[in-house]
Amino acid sequence: MRLTKNKSRRKRVGFIVGAVALVIVVLIVGRWLGLGTTIRQVNRLISTEPKPETARAGAPTPVKEFQQVTLDELFRSYVNDGGWVDYAGLGRERDKLDSDLAGLAGASPQSFSTDHERLAFWIDAYNAFTLADVLDHVYGKFKSVQSVPGFFDRNRHRVGGASMTLDDMEQRARSFSDPRVHFALVCASTSCPKLQPFAYTGSDLDKQLDRAARDFLADPSRGLRLDRLRNEIFLSSLFKWYAGDFTMASSKAGRAVAPAKAYISGTEGLAYIRQYTPAEVSTFIDEKKPGLSYLPYDWTLNAQELHASASEKTK
């Protein structure tokens, strides 16, 4: 009887210790992500839902690849080499943007032939609706998307036959388990990856995502900065916030712990970036064993007049 009681007591103690440890981890992660970050936002970072929309029995017959011709033309016209957006010019062609949004609303990603096409669709949808929301709620009124309550998690749009927020679209893109989406999803802010002057397509997706990754990590103000004097590497905070995606952690527990691991060591993030950085960066990491810090995130709007030099302005 005493042995049974001791076992029961040990189980209770173990459960309590585990629960306390989990609470501590969540609080540390919450504080590290910022005082304004809620538990709901932490759950958003570690969530793996919804699942990718793979073709399934009874699904519509696969259709020809979804083409974002209008969006591609708008990007080429109103996004410069630095990735900054000419919102005034884009606003003058709002009818074209709205036409593209209507196409996104009526599309059926489940009917696409490949996951590459589906992922390209969700990246383009996120970027297109972000631009529309900036024109509607931010540009000419505020200098940051963070000045608009609910910009990412309350404003809803019709896309792919469903009502979604920008956060929902981001989750769809992340659910394909390709960390490169974080170099393609552009939240209309200075520290976000630059908006590429093209729409993403299934047929060119790998090449396009590789370009986005290399561009991001070649930018010392957005993605990666070497400080040789201090023997330190500074990475974008995206590698901290979405550490579970870059380490390919599959469980919610793994995703919850990943940001803490990124803060403590960051070795997984450094391992991931090697494939998209120049050889000198890998050599620096191997030989110097630098420390790792994260760049502060600048949420200032990615408008040309706030950032671009005269030489970068859209032609």
Protein backbone atom coordinates (compact mmCIF):
# COMPACT_ATOMS: atom_id res chain seq x y z
CA MET A 1 0.00 0.00 0.00
CA ARG A 2 2.81 2.42 0.91
CA LEU A 3 4.59 1.58 -2.34
CA THR A 4 1.43 2.34 -4.30
CA LYS A 5 1.02 5.65 -2.50
CA ASN A 6 4.66 6.54 -3.18
CA LYS A 7 4.22 5.79 -6.88
CA SER A 8 1.06 7.87 -6.99
CA ARG A 9 2.82 10.71 -5.19
CA ARG A 10 5.76 10.56 -7.60
CA LYS A 11 3.38 10.69 -10.58
CA ARG A 12 1.64 13.75 -9.14
CA VAL A 13 4.94 15.48 -8.44
CA GLY A 14 6.15 14.65 -11.95
CA PHE A 15 2.96 16.04 -13.46
CA ILE A 16 3.22 19.24 -11.42
CA VAL A 17 6.88 19.75 -12.33
CA GLY A 18 6.10 19.19 -16.01
CA ALA A 19 3.18 21.60 -15.91
CA VAL A 20 5.25 24.28 -14.18
CA ALA A 21 8.05 23.85 -16.70
CA LEU A 22 5.59 24.23 -19.59
CA VAL A 23 4.12 27.41 -18.08
CA ILE A 24 7.62 28.85 -17.62
CA VAL A 25 8.50 28.12 -21.24
CA VAL A 26 5.30 29.76 -22.49
CA LEU A 27 5.89 32.83 -20.32
CA ILE A 28 9.50 33.14 -21.45
CA VAL A 29 8.52 32.80 -25.09
CA GLY A 30 5.67 35.27 -24.60
CA ARG A 31 7.92 37.86 -22.96
CA TRP A 32 10.62 37.31 -25.58
CA LEU A 33 8.15 37.77 -28.44
CA GLY A 34 7.10 41.11 -26.94
CA LEU A 35 4.90 42.37 -24.14
CA GLY A 36 2.01 42.87 -26.56
CA THR A 37 2.11 39.28 -27.80
CA THR A 38 -0.74 37.15 -26.54
CA ILE A 39 -1.02 33.42 -26.00
CA ARG A 40 -3.23 33.33 -29.10
CA GLN A 41 -0.35 34.74 -31.14
CA VAL A 42 2.09 32.23 -29.68
CA ASN A 43 -0.30 29.44 -30.67
CA ARG A 44 -0.45 30.95 -34.17
CA LEU A 45 3.33 30.69 -34.46
CA ILE A 46 3.44 27.01 -33.47
CA SER A 47 0.26 25.86 -35.19
CA THR A 48 0.44 23.47 -38.10
CA GLU A 49 -3.20 23.97 -39.14
CA PRO A 50 -4.80 24.07 -41.63
CA LYS A 51 -3.42 21.15 -43.61
CA PRO A 52 -2.29 21.60 -47.20
CA GLU A 53 -5.02 21.34 -49.80
CA THR A 54 -3.83 18.26 -51.62
CA ALA A 55 -5.97 16.71 -54.31
CA ARG A 56 -8.27 14.06 -52.90
CA ALA A 57 -10.94 11.63 -54.04
CA GLY A 58 -14.02 13.46 -55.28
CA ALA A 59 -12.10 16.73 -55.75
CA PRO A 60 -12.66 18.74 -58.93
CA THR A 61 -10.73 17.72 -62.02
CA PRO A 62 -7.31 19.44 -62.03
CA VAL A 63 -7.34 22.67 -64.02
CA LYS A 64 -4.72 24.51 -66.00
CA GLU A 65 -2.18 26.34 -63.84
CA PHE A 66 -3.66 29.43 -62.17
CA GLN A 67 -1.98 32.47 -63.67
CA GLN A 68 -1.61 35.82 -61.90
CA VAL A 69 -1.01 37.87 -65.04
CA THR A 70 -2.52 41.11 -63.72
CA LEU A 71 -0.79 40.87 -60.34
CA ASP A 72 2.51 40.15 -62.08
CA GLU A 73 2.08 43.29 -64.22
CA LEU A 74 1.25 45.42 -61.17
CA PHE A 75 4.32 44.18 -59.28
CA ARG A 76 6.57 44.91 -62.25
CA SER A 77 5.11 48.39 -62.56
CA TYR A 78 4.93 49.52 -58.94
CA VAL A 79 7.64 47.61 -57.04
CA ASN A 80 11.23 48.78 -57.43
CA ASP A 81 14.54 46.95 -57.09
CA GLY A 82 14.59 47.52 -53.34
CA GLY A 83 11.17 45.92 -52.94
CA TRP A 84 9.53 49.22 -51.96
CA VAL A 85 6.02 49.88 -53.24
CA ASP A 86 4.66 52.88 -55.11
CA TYR A 87 1.28 52.84 -53.37
CA ALA A 88 0.14 56.07 -55.02
CA GLY A 89 0.68 54.58 -58.46
CA LEU A 90 -0.87 51.27 -57.45
CA GLY A 91 -3.90 53.10 -56.12
CA ARG A 92 -4.46 54.70 -59.51
CA GLU A 93 -4.83 51.20 -60.95
CA ARG A 94 -6.96 49.87 -58.14
CA ASP A 95 -9.40 48.44 -60.66
CA LYS A 96 -6.72 46.05 -61.90
CA LEU A 97 -5.84 44.99 -58.35
CA ASP A 98 -9.52 44.45 -57.56
CA SER A 99 -9.85 42.32 -60.70
CA ASP A 100 -7.03 40.12 -59.45
CA LEU A 101 -8.60 39.86 -56.00
CA ALA A 102 -11.85 38.73 -57.61
CA GLY A 103 -9.95 35.98 -59.39
CA LEU A 104 -8.40 34.88 -56.09
CA ALA A 105 -11.82 34.85 -54.45
CA GLY A 106 -13.34 32.56 -57.05
CA ALA A 107 -10.40 30.20 -57.49
CA SER A 108 -10.40 26.63 -56.19
CA PRO A 109 -6.89 25.70 -55.00
CA GLN A 110 -8.06 22.14 -54.30
CA SER A 111 -8.45 21.66 -58.05
CA PHE A 112 -4.86 22.66 -58.84
CA SER A 113 -2.60 19.90 -60.11
CA THR A 114 0.34 20.30 -57.71
CA ASP A 115 1.22 21.56 -54.26
CA HIS A 116 3.61 24.00 -55.91
CA GLU A 117 0.64 25.65 -57.63
CA ARG A 118 -1.32 25.73 -54.39
CA LEU A 119 1.55 27.23 -52.42
CA ALA A 120 2.17 29.87 -55.11
CA PHE A 121 -1.54 30.73 -54.94
CA TRP A 122 -1.48 31.35 -51.19
CA ILE A 123 1.70 33.44 -51.36
CA ASP A 124 0.22 35.61 -54.10
CA ALA A 125 -3.09 35.85 -52.25
CA TYR A 126 -1.39 37.01 -49.05
CA ASN A 127 0.70 39.62 -50.84
CA ALA A 128 -2.18 40.89 -52.99
CA PHE A 129 -4.66 41.27 -50.15
CA THR A 130 -1.97 42.89 -47.99
CA LEU A 131 -1.48 45.55 -50.66
CA ALA A 132 -5.24 46.09 -50.89
CA ASP A 133 -5.54 46.45 -47.12
CA VAL A 134 -2.68 48.95 -47.06
CA LEU A 135 -4.45 51.06 -49.69
CA ASP A 136 -7.73 50.83 -47.77
CA HIS A 137 -6.55 51.32 -44.21
CA VAL A 138 -2.93 52.48 -43.97
CA TYR A 139 -1.50 54.46 -46.86
CA GLY A 140 -2.04 58.19 -46.44
CA LYS A 141 -3.27 57.68 -42.87
CA PHE A 142 -0.56 55.84 -40.93
CA LYS A 143 3.07 54.86 -41.33
CA SER A 144 2.71 51.30 -40.11
CA VAL A 145 0.30 48.40 -40.49
CA GLN A 146 0.53 47.97 -36.73
CA SER A 147 -1.40 51.21 -36.33
CA VAL A 148 -4.51 49.45 -37.66
CA PRO A 149 -6.14 47.12 -35.10
CA GLY A 150 -6.92 43.74 -36.59
CA PHE A 151 -4.93 44.33 -39.77
CA PHE A 152 -3.69 40.74 -39.80
CA ASP A 153 -6.21 38.85 -37.68
CA ARG A 154 -9.61 40.57 -38.03
CA ASN A 155 -10.03 42.03 -41.52
CA ARG A 156 -11.60 39.29 -43.64
CA HIS A 157 -11.44 38.61 -47.37
CA ARG A 158 -13.01 36.16 -49.78
CA VAL A 159 -10.24 33.95 -51.16
CA GLY A 160 -10.29 30.42 -52.50
CA GLY A 161 -14.01 30.23 -51.80
CA ALA A 162 -13.62 30.96 -48.07
CA SER A 163 -13.62 33.96 -45.74
CA MET A 164 -10.09 34.50 -44.43
CA THR A 165 -7.84 36.93 -42.60
CA LEU A 166 -4.25 37.55 -43.63
CA ASP A 167 -3.18 35.33 -40.74
CA ASP A 168 -5.32 32.54 -42.17
CA MET A 169 -3.65 32.90 -45.56
CA GLU A 170 -0.23 32.84 -43.92
CA GLN A 171 -1.17 29.62 -42.15
CA ARG A 172 -2.21 28.06 -45.44
CA ALA A 173 1.16 28.92 -46.94
CA ARG A 174 3.08 27.67 -43.89
CA SER A 175 1.18 24.39 -43.87
CA PHE A 176 3.13 23.23 -46.94
CA SER A 177 6.21 22.95 -44.68
CA ASP A 178 8.54 24.96 -46.91
CA PRO A 179 10.38 27.49 -44.72
CA ARG A 180 11.16 29.61 -47.78
CA VAL A 181 7.62 31.01 -47.63
CA HIS A 182 8.90 33.34 -44.91
CA PHE A 183 11.07 35.03 -47.55
CA ALA A 184 8.09 35.47 -49.89
CA LEU A 185 5.23 36.56 -47.60
CA VAL A 186 5.47 40.35 -47.34
CA CYS A 187 3.70 42.07 -44.45
CA ALA A 188 4.15 45.56 -45.97
CA SER A 189 6.83 46.54 -43.48
CA THR A 190 10.46 47.60 -43.66
CA SER A 191 11.93 44.49 -42.04
CA CYS A 192 9.78 42.08 -44.03
CA PRO A 193 11.39 40.41 -47.02
CA LYS A 194 11.28 42.69 -50.02
CA LEU A 195 8.32 42.35 -52.35
CA GLN A 196 9.60 40.71 -55.51
CA PRO A 197 8.69 42.29 -58.88
CA PHE A 198 6.75 39.21 -59.96
CA ALA A 199 3.87 36.97 -58.95
CA TYR A 200 4.71 33.43 -57.85
CA THR A 201 3.82 30.51 -60.11
CA GLY A 202 3.80 26.77 -59.58
CA SER A 203 6.08 26.09 -62.53
CA ASP A 204 8.79 28.52 -61.34
CA LEU A 205 8.20 28.30 -57.60
CA ASP A 206 11.47 26.67 -56.52
CA LYS A 207 13.53 29.13 -58.53
CA GLN A 208 11.50 32.07 -57.26
CA LEU A 209 11.66 31.02 -53.59
CA ASP A 210 15.42 30.45 -53.85
CA ARG A 211 15.80 33.96 -55.25
CA ALA A 212 13.69 35.41 -52.45
CA ALA A 213 15.78 33.55 -49.85
CA ARG A 214 19.09 34.74 -51.29
CA ASP A 215 17.87 38.31 -51.65
CA PHE A 216 16.68 38.37 -48.06
CA LEU A 217 19.88 36.95 -46.60
CA ALA A 218 22.02 39.27 -48.74
CA ASP A 219 20.29 42.29 -47.20
CA PRO A 220 22.08 43.41 -44.01
CA SER A 221 19.15 45.57 -42.91
CA ARG A 222 16.50 42.88 -43.32
CA GLY A 223 17.92 39.37 -43.28
CA LEU A 224 21.54 38.90 -42.19
CA ARG A 225 24.36 41.13 -41.05
CA LEU A 226 27.90 40.09 -40.18
CA ASP A 227 29.75 42.00 -37.49
CA ARG A 228 33.32 40.79 -37.84
CA LEU A 229 34.68 43.11 -35.15
CA ARG A 230 32.28 41.73 -32.54
CA ASN A 231 32.41 38.22 -34.02
CA GLU A 232 28.63 38.13 -34.22
CA ILE A 233 25.90 37.36 -36.75
CA PHE A 234 22.59 39.22 -36.70
CA LEU A 235 19.62 37.40 -38.24
CA SER A 236 16.10 38.58 -38.94
CA SER A 237 13.70 38.09 -36.04
CA LEU A 238 11.72 35.84 -38.40
CA PHE A 239 14.23 33.10 -37.60
CA LYS A 240 13.35 33.50 -33.94
CA TRP A 241 9.58 33.85 -34.24
CA TYR A 242 9.21 30.98 -36.72
CA ALA A 243 12.06 28.81 -35.48
CA GLY A 244 9.82 25.74 -35.54
CA ASP A 245 9.35 26.14 -39.30
CA PHE A 246 13.07 26.46 -39.98
CA THR A 247 13.89 23.45 -37.81
CA MET A 248 10.98 21.51 -39.38
CA ALA A 249 9.61 20.67 -35.92
CA SER A 250 6.47 18.62 -36.53
CA SER A 251 4.78 18.63 -33.12
CA LYS A 252 3.24 21.57 -31.30
CA ALA A 253 5.56 20.90 -28.39
CA GLY A 254 8.56 21.03 -30.70
CA ARG A 255 7.34 24.26 -32.24
CA ALA A 256 6.76 25.78 -28.80
CA VAL A 257 10.31 24.99 -27.67
CA ALA A 258 11.99 25.99 -30.96
CA PRO A 259 11.87 29.78 -30.33
CA ALA A 260 13.48 29.33 -26.92
CA LYS A 261 16.21 27.19 -28.50
CA ALA A 262 16.69 29.83 -31.18
CA TYR A 263 17.14 32.46 -28.48
CA ILE A 264 19.62 30.35 -26.52
CA SER A 265 21.81 29.03 -29.35
CA GLY A 266 20.34 29.61 -32.80
CA THR A 267 22.41 26.79 -34.25
CA GLU A 268 19.49 25.44 -36.30
CA GLY A 269 18.91 28.84 -37.89
CA LEU A 270 22.58 29.18 -38.77
CA ALA A 271 22.54 25.69 -40.25
CA TYR A 272 19.53 26.52 -42.40
CA ILE A 273 20.85 29.75 -43.90
CA ARG A 274 24.06 28.17 -45.23
CA GLN A 275 22.37 26.98 -48.42
CA TYR A 276 21.34 30.52 -49.36
CA THR A 277 24.34 32.60 -48.29
CA PRO A 278 27.72 33.19 -49.97
CA ALA A 279 30.54 30.77 -49.13
CA GLU A 280 32.25 33.45 -47.05
CA VAL A 281 29.38 33.39 -44.56
CA SER A 282 29.65 29.62 -44.05
CA THR A 283 33.41 29.96 -43.69
CA PHE A 284 32.96 32.71 -41.13
CA ILE A 285 30.56 30.52 -39.13
CA ASP A 286 32.88 27.50 -39.26
CA GLU A 287 36.08 29.31 -38.42
CA LYS A 288 34.99 32.05 -36.05
CA LYS A 289 32.10 30.34 -34.21
CA PRO A 290 30.32 33.70 -33.93
CA GLY A 291 27.63 34.62 -31.47
CA LEU A 292 24.08 35.07 -32.72
CA SER A 293 21.71 37.97 -32.16
CA TYR A 294 18.50 39.08 -33.87
CA LEU A 295 17.85 42.27 -35.75
CA PRO A 296 15.14 44.57 -34.35
CA TYR A 297 11.98 44.47 -36.46
CA ASP A 298 10.99 47.70 -38.17
CA TRP A 299 7.26 47.86 -38.88
CA THR A 300 7.42 51.10 -40.87
CA LEU A 301 5.37 50.86 -44.08
CA ASN A 302 7.27 49.63 -47.16
CA ALA A 303 6.28 52.68 -49.20
CA GLN A 304 8.78 54.07 -51.69
CA GLU A 305 8.61 57.62 -50.38
CA LEU A 306 9.60 56.43 -46.90
CA HIS A 307 12.60 54.40 -48.03
CA ALA A 308 13.68 54.56 -51.66
CA SER A 309 16.44 56.78 -52.97
CA ALA A 310 15.84 58.72 -56.15
CA SER A 311 17.65 56.06 -58.16
CA GLU A 312 15.30 53.34 -56.89
CA LYS A 313 12.00 55.03 -57.76
CA THR A 314 9.74 53.17 -60.12
CA LYS A 315 10.38 54.06 -63.72
